[in-house]
Amino acid sequence: MDDTPKPKQERSLRTRAALLDAAVEELLARGYAELSTAGVARRAGVSRGAQQHHFASKDELLIEAVRELAARRMTELRDGIAADAPVAERIRRTLDLALEQYAGPLFATTLELALAARGSEELRAAIADGERTVGPQIQAMGRELLGGTGHDPAVVDARWTMAVSTARGYASLILLGHPPDRVRAQWSSACDDLVALLLRD
């Protein structure tokens, strides 16, 4: 059986992908309050009818955009790690990337959506699902990085959770408006300690 998408299906998939890209870009540029489905359609270069065919409501569009945001956050993390570097360097790089990811626009947009979603049970559930996807993947990265250290898996998980939570805490200071250079300088020192702890016998 030939499962190759037909031209009409391919156009439909491209339109859907363009709408999701545009929704994420609109969220990053305008935030939840200013986002409109008409604006998303304009940015995607499609008609309102095409937009409504794929996503009947703003919440339906945002639910899929949340999933796209989660996927992009993981891609940012994984793409920035050099697989052939020494383990200490890879750990340091991963934690630095976690800080930047949690301090960056993709996570900030997710937080904004979480706050705005209080009136939408479906949107809240989508955000929770996205975080349940990202969290285990970040945890799995820790196991990959520390799998050859000989540590007990439970110890690895506990230490890695603490390290990532620390990165998230420093990132929240940046999101709250603290001077980024000062926060990153403080983080640099703390990260040295975290790498040493993660590799400690």
Protein backbone atom coordinates (compact mmCIF):
# COMPACT_ATOMS: atom_id res chain seq x y z
CA MET A 1 0.00 0.00 0.00
CA ASP A 2 1.36 3.44 -0.98
CA ASP A 3 1.38 5.73 2.10
CA THR A 4 3.07 8.61 0.24
CA PRO A 5 1.10 11.83 0.86
CA LYS A 6 -0.83 13.01 -2.18
CA PRO A 7 -0.33 16.61 -3.47
CA LYS A 8 -3.51 17.82 -1.71
CA GLN A 9 -2.41 16.18 1.55
CA GLU A 10 1.06 17.68 1.19
CA ARG A 11 -0.42 21.16 0.75
CA SER A 12 -2.60 20.63 3.80
CA LEU A 13 0.39 19.52 5.89
CA ARG A 14 2.43 22.50 4.71
CA THR A 15 -0.42 24.87 5.57
CA ARG A 16 -0.79 23.37 9.03
CA ALA A 17 2.97 23.62 9.64
CA ALA A 18 2.99 27.24 8.43
CA LEU A 19 0.14 28.09 10.81
CA LEU A 20 1.93 26.51 13.77
CA ASP A 21 5.16 28.34 12.92
CA ALA A 22 3.22 31.58 12.63
CA ALA A 23 1.41 30.97 15.93
CA VAL A 24 4.72 30.46 17.76
CA GLU A 25 6.20 33.56 16.11
CA GLU A 26 3.12 35.63 17.00
CA LEU A 27 3.31 34.43 20.60
CA LEU A 28 6.97 35.39 20.81
CA ALA A 29 6.39 38.76 19.15
CA ARG A 30 3.05 39.81 20.68
CA GLY A 31 2.28 37.57 23.64
CA TYR A 32 -0.96 35.76 24.40
CA ALA A 33 -3.13 38.82 24.95
CA GLU A 34 -2.35 40.39 21.57
CA LEU A 35 -2.37 37.19 19.54
CA SER A 36 -5.25 36.78 17.10
CA THR A 37 -6.08 34.01 14.68
CA ALA A 38 -6.34 36.62 11.92
CA GLY A 39 -2.80 37.78 12.70
CA VAL A 40 -1.56 34.19 12.64
CA ALA A 41 -3.19 33.62 9.25
CA ARG A 42 -1.59 36.80 7.87
CA ARG A 43 1.84 35.83 9.14
CA ALA A 44 1.45 32.33 7.71
CA GLY A 45 0.34 33.73 4.36
CA VAL A 46 -2.91 31.75 4.30
CA SER A 47 -6.57 32.70 4.20
CA ARG A 48 -8.77 32.89 7.28
CA GLY A 49 -10.79 30.03 5.82
CA ALA A 50 -7.69 27.83 5.62
CA GLN A 51 -6.75 28.76 9.18
CA GLN A 52 -10.24 27.93 10.45
CA HIS A 53 -10.21 24.65 8.55
CA HIS A 54 -7.12 23.51 10.46
CA PHE A 55 -7.80 25.23 13.78
CA ALA A 56 -11.38 26.17 14.55
CA SER A 57 -10.57 28.38 17.54
CA LYS A 58 -7.75 30.35 19.12
CA ASP A 59 -7.42 27.81 21.95
CA GLU A 60 -7.25 24.90 19.49
CA LEU A 61 -4.44 26.68 17.65
CA LEU A 62 -2.62 27.48 20.88
CA ILE A 63 -2.90 23.92 22.16
CA GLU A 64 -0.92 22.74 19.13
CA ALA A 65 1.45 25.71 19.39
CA VAL A 66 2.25 24.68 22.98
CA ARG A 67 3.30 21.25 21.74
CA GLU A 68 5.44 22.92 19.07
CA LEU A 69 7.06 25.14 21.72
CA ALA A 70 7.95 22.07 23.80
CA ALA A 71 9.51 20.37 20.78
CA ARG A 72 11.55 23.46 19.92
CA ARG A 73 12.81 23.78 23.49
CA MET A 74 14.16 20.23 23.40
CA THR A 75 15.71 20.78 19.97
CA GLU A 76 17.52 23.86 21.28
CA LEU A 77 18.98 21.83 24.13
CA ARG A 78 20.00 18.78 22.14
CA ASP A 79 21.46 20.70 19.20
CA GLY A 80 23.84 22.62 21.45
CA ILE A 81 25.63 19.63 22.97
CA ALA A 82 28.91 18.39 21.49
CA ALA A 83 28.77 14.60 21.61
CA ASP A 84 32.55 14.14 21.40
CA ALA A 85 33.54 16.54 24.21
CA PRO A 86 34.78 15.30 27.62
CA VAL A 87 31.94 14.47 30.02
CA ALA A 88 32.58 17.41 32.35
CA GLU A 89 32.48 19.81 29.40
CA ARG A 90 29.27 18.24 28.07
CA ILE A 91 27.64 18.52 31.50
CA ARG A 92 28.68 22.14 31.78
CA ARG A 93 27.43 22.89 28.27
CA THR A 94 24.11 21.18 28.92
CA LEU A 95 23.51 23.10 32.14
CA ASP A 96 24.48 26.38 30.46
CA LEU A 97 22.02 25.60 27.69
CA ALA A 98 19.34 24.77 30.26
CA LEU A 99 19.88 28.18 31.87
CA GLU A 100 19.61 29.98 28.53
CA GLN A 101 16.60 27.94 27.50
CA TYR A 102 14.73 28.67 30.74
CA ALA A 103 15.70 32.35 30.49
CA GLY A 104 14.77 32.56 26.82
CA PRO A 105 11.67 33.55 24.88
CA LEU A 106 10.35 30.03 24.29
CA PHE A 107 10.07 29.24 28.00
CA ALA A 108 8.92 32.78 28.83
CA THR A 109 6.11 32.32 26.31
CA THR A 110 5.18 28.99 27.89
CA LEU A 111 4.97 30.69 31.28
CA GLU A 112 2.81 33.44 29.85
CA LEU A 113 0.49 30.86 28.33
CA ALA A 114 0.32 28.98 31.63
CA LEU A 115 -0.82 32.14 33.40
CA ALA A 116 -3.27 33.02 30.63
CA ALA A 117 -4.69 29.49 30.50
CA ARG A 118 -6.47 29.68 33.83
CA GLY A 119 -9.78 30.02 31.99
CA SER A 120 -9.18 27.14 29.58
CA GLU A 121 -8.98 23.62 30.94
CA GLU A 122 -7.86 22.23 27.57
CA LEU A 123 -5.06 24.76 27.21
CA ARG A 124 -3.90 24.09 30.78
CA ALA A 125 -3.84 20.38 30.03
CA ALA A 126 -1.80 20.95 26.85
CA ILE A 127 0.76 23.03 28.75
CA ALA A 128 0.99 20.35 31.44
CA ASP A 129 1.46 17.69 28.74
CA GLY A 130 4.22 19.76 27.16
CA GLU A 131 6.03 20.11 30.45
CA ARG A 132 5.61 16.39 31.13
CA THR A 133 7.27 15.79 27.77
CA VAL A 134 10.15 18.21 28.28
CA GLY A 135 10.88 17.21 31.89
CA PRO A 136 11.50 13.49 31.27
CA GLN A 137 13.59 14.29 28.18
CA ILE A 138 15.81 16.63 30.18
CA GLN A 139 16.06 13.94 32.87
CA ALA A 140 17.03 11.40 30.21
CA MET A 141 19.79 13.74 29.02
CA GLY A 142 21.26 13.63 32.51
CA ARG A 143 21.24 9.84 32.49
CA GLU A 144 22.97 9.85 29.09
CA LEU A 145 25.62 12.28 30.28
CA LEU A 146 26.28 10.51 33.57
CA GLY A 147 25.63 6.93 32.50
CA GLY A 148 29.32 6.08 32.34
CA THR A 149 30.25 7.48 35.74
CA GLY A 150 29.27 4.35 37.65
CA HIS A 151 26.89 6.20 39.95
CA ASP A 152 23.68 4.63 41.17
CA PRO A 153 20.83 5.67 38.79
CA ALA A 154 18.80 7.05 41.69
CA VAL A 155 21.74 9.21 42.74
CA VAL A 156 22.19 10.38 39.14
CA ASP A 157 18.52 11.34 38.88
CA ALA A 158 18.49 13.18 42.20
CA ARG A 159 21.67 15.13 41.47
CA TRP A 160 20.62 15.98 37.93
CA THR A 161 17.19 17.15 39.06
CA MET A 162 18.84 19.44 41.58
CA ALA A 163 21.27 20.80 38.97
CA VAL A 164 18.54 21.55 36.41
CA SER A 165 16.33 23.09 39.10
CA THR A 166 19.22 25.34 40.07
CA ALA A 167 19.64 26.43 36.43
CA ARG A 168 15.90 27.15 36.29
CA GLY A 169 16.15 29.22 39.46
CA TYR A 170 18.94 31.41 38.08
CA ALA A 171 17.04 31.74 34.81
CA SER A 172 13.97 32.97 36.67
CA LEU A 173 16.05 35.87 38.03
CA ILE A 174 16.78 36.94 34.46
CA LEU A 175 13.10 36.65 33.54
CA LEU A 176 12.22 38.78 36.56
CA GLY A 177 14.52 41.56 35.39
CA HIS A 178 17.71 41.07 37.39
CA PRO A 179 20.86 42.21 35.53
CA PRO A 180 21.59 39.30 33.16
CA ASP A 181 25.38 39.72 33.25
CA ARG A 182 25.42 39.60 37.04
CA VAL A 183 23.14 36.57 37.15
CA ARG A 184 25.24 34.73 34.57
CA ALA A 185 28.43 35.49 36.53
CA GLN A 186 26.82 34.05 39.67
CA TRP A 187 25.59 31.07 37.68
CA SER A 188 29.06 30.39 36.28
CA SER A 189 30.46 29.87 39.75
CA ALA A 190 27.48 27.79 40.85
CA CYS A 191 27.73 25.66 37.71
CA ASP A 192 31.34 24.75 38.52
CA ASP A 193 30.13 23.42 41.86
CA LEU A 194 27.27 21.53 40.22
CA VAL A 195 29.57 19.80 37.71
CA ALA A 196 31.89 18.76 40.56
CA LEU A 197 28.93 17.41 42.53
CA LEU A 198 27.54 15.49 39.57
CA LEU A 199 30.89 13.75 38.98
CA ARG A 200 31.71 13.20 42.66
CA ASP A 201 31.98 9.61 43.87
